[in-house]
Amino acid sequence: MADGCKGKSKWPELVGVEEHVAAATVDAENPNVKTVIVPGGSLVPDDFVCTRVWIWVNKAGYVFQVPIIG
């Protein structure tokens, strides 16, 4: 679904990276999106938004899921 979105759409290289570093990387690589840091197990809307990237982090604050546009 990210085909119609502008810029880079996924960041597999950020799995295992500290949350704020990951957010800064996404922001720098795609200025069209807003990053949202989300603790694992949290509920989020299931709508698709081209300008949003969820950054899922564990209790220690490290990314555990590939950040993607949506």
C-alpha atoms as a PDB file:
ATOM      1  CA  MET A   1       0.000   0.000   0.000  1.00  0.00           C
ATOM      2  CA  ALA A   2       3.010   2.292   0.465  1.00  0.00           C
ATOM      3  CA  ASP A   3       3.462   2.441  -3.328  1.00  0.00           C
ATOM      4  CA  GLY A   4       1.592   5.756  -3.542  1.00  0.00           C
ATOM      5  CA  CYS A   5       3.531   7.315  -0.672  1.00  0.00           C
ATOM      6  CA  LYS A   6       6.510   9.639  -1.167  1.00  0.00           C
ATOM      7  CA  GLY A   7      10.077   8.743  -0.209  1.00  0.00           C
ATOM      8  CA  LYS A   8      11.562   5.764   1.573  1.00  0.00           C
ATOM      9  CA  SER A   9       8.886   3.488   3.021  1.00  0.00           C
ATOM     10  CA  LYS A  10      10.627   0.936   5.290  1.00  0.00           C
ATOM     11  CA  TRP A  11      13.710   0.738   7.467  1.00  0.00           C
ATOM     12  CA  PRO A  12      14.732  -2.875   8.256  1.00  0.00           C
ATOM     13  CA  GLU A  13      18.210  -1.677   9.236  1.00  0.00           C
ATOM     14  CA  LEU A  14      16.737   0.026  12.335  1.00  0.00           C
ATOM     15  CA  VAL A  15      15.701  -3.163  14.147  1.00  0.00           C
ATOM     16  CA  GLY A  16      17.808  -3.266  17.320  1.00  0.00           C
ATOM     17  CA  VAL A  17      18.532   0.484  17.265  1.00  0.00           C
ATOM     18  CA  GLU A  18      17.670   2.836  20.163  1.00  0.00           C
ATOM     19  CA  GLU A  19      14.289   4.540  19.672  1.00  0.00           C
ATOM     20  CA  HIS A  20      15.443   8.157  19.360  1.00  0.00           C
ATOM     21  CA  VAL A  21      18.228   7.251  16.927  1.00  0.00           C
ATOM     22  CA  ALA A  22      15.695   5.318  14.840  1.00  0.00           C
ATOM     23  CA  ALA A  23      13.234   8.227  14.836  1.00  0.00           C
ATOM     24  CA  ALA A  24      15.948  10.699  13.823  1.00  0.00           C
ATOM     25  CA  THR A  25      17.056   8.382  11.012  1.00  0.00           C
ATOM     26  CA  VAL A  26      13.535   8.024   9.621  1.00  0.00           C
ATOM     27  CA  ASP A  27      12.955  11.778   9.871  1.00  0.00           C
ATOM     28  CA  ALA A  28      16.217  12.483   8.015  1.00  0.00           C
ATOM     29  CA  GLU A  29      15.624   9.891   5.288  1.00  0.00           C
ATOM     30  CA  ASN A  30      11.994  10.806   4.599  1.00  0.00           C
ATOM     31  CA  PRO A  31      10.928  14.346   5.523  1.00  0.00           C
ATOM     32  CA  ASN A  32       7.373  13.549   4.323  1.00  0.00           C
ATOM     33  CA  VAL A  33       6.597  11.431   7.406  1.00  0.00           C
ATOM     34  CA  LYS A  34       6.096  11.902  11.126  1.00  0.00           C
ATOM     35  CA  THR A  35       7.507   9.206  13.400  1.00  0.00           C
ATOM     36  CA  VAL A  36       5.533   7.896  16.353  1.00  0.00           C
ATOM     37  CA  ILE A  37       7.338   5.844  19.004  1.00  0.00           C
ATOM     38  CA  VAL A  38       5.068   3.077  20.278  1.00  0.00           C
ATOM     39  CA  PRO A  39       5.779   0.720  23.198  1.00  0.00           C
ATOM     40  CA  GLY A  40       5.247  -2.944  22.318  1.00  0.00           C
ATOM     41  CA  GLY A  41       1.746  -4.159  23.130  1.00  0.00           C
ATOM     42  CA  SER A  42       0.152  -0.751  22.648  1.00  0.00           C
ATOM     43  CA  LEU A  43      -3.007  -0.339  20.619  1.00  0.00           C
ATOM     44  CA  VAL A  44      -2.817   1.960  17.603  1.00  0.00           C
ATOM     45  CA  PRO A  45      -5.333   2.903  14.894  1.00  0.00           C
ATOM     46  CA  ASP A  46      -5.378   0.432  12.013  1.00  0.00           C
ATOM     47  CA  ASP A  47      -5.860   3.087   9.343  1.00  0.00           C
ATOM     48  CA  PHE A  48      -3.167   3.538   6.688  1.00  0.00           C
ATOM     49  CA  VAL A  49      -1.511   6.970   6.592  1.00  0.00           C
ATOM     50  CA  CYS A  50       1.285   7.792   4.120  1.00  0.00           C
ATOM     51  CA  THR A  51       2.728  10.409   6.451  1.00  0.00           C
ATOM     52  CA  ARG A  52       3.129   8.211   9.540  1.00  0.00           C
ATOM     53  CA  VAL A  53       5.743   5.671  10.621  1.00  0.00           C
ATOM     54  CA  TRP A  54       5.177   3.632  13.783  1.00  0.00           C
ATOM     55  CA  ILE A  55       8.437   2.883  15.609  1.00  0.00           C
ATOM     56  CA  TRP A  56       7.714  -0.137  17.801  1.00  0.00           C
ATOM     57  CA  VAL A  57      10.056  -0.397  20.787  1.00  0.00           C
ATOM     58  CA  ASN A  58      10.589  -2.880  23.601  1.00  0.00           C
ATOM     59  CA  LYS A  59      10.759  -1.996  27.313  1.00  0.00           C
ATOM     60  CA  ALA A  60      14.459  -1.160  26.973  1.00  0.00           C
ATOM     61  CA  GLY A  61      13.683   1.385  24.220  1.00  0.00           C
ATOM     62  CA  TYR A  62      15.022  -0.547  21.229  1.00  0.00           C
ATOM     63  CA  VAL A  63      13.221  -1.082  17.914  1.00  0.00           C
ATOM     64  CA  PHE A  64      11.936  -4.667  17.611  1.00  0.00           C
ATOM     65  CA  GLN A  65       9.847  -4.432  14.426  1.00  0.00           C
ATOM     66  CA  VAL A  66      10.722  -2.998  11.011  1.00  0.00           C
ATOM     67  CA  PRO A  67       9.475   0.601  10.869  1.00  0.00           C
ATOM     68  CA  ILE A  68       7.251   1.086   7.792  1.00  0.00           C
ATOM     69  CA  ILE A  69       4.966   3.774   6.438  1.00  0.00           C
ATOM     70  CA  GLY A  70       1.396   3.245   7.479  1.00  0.00           C
END
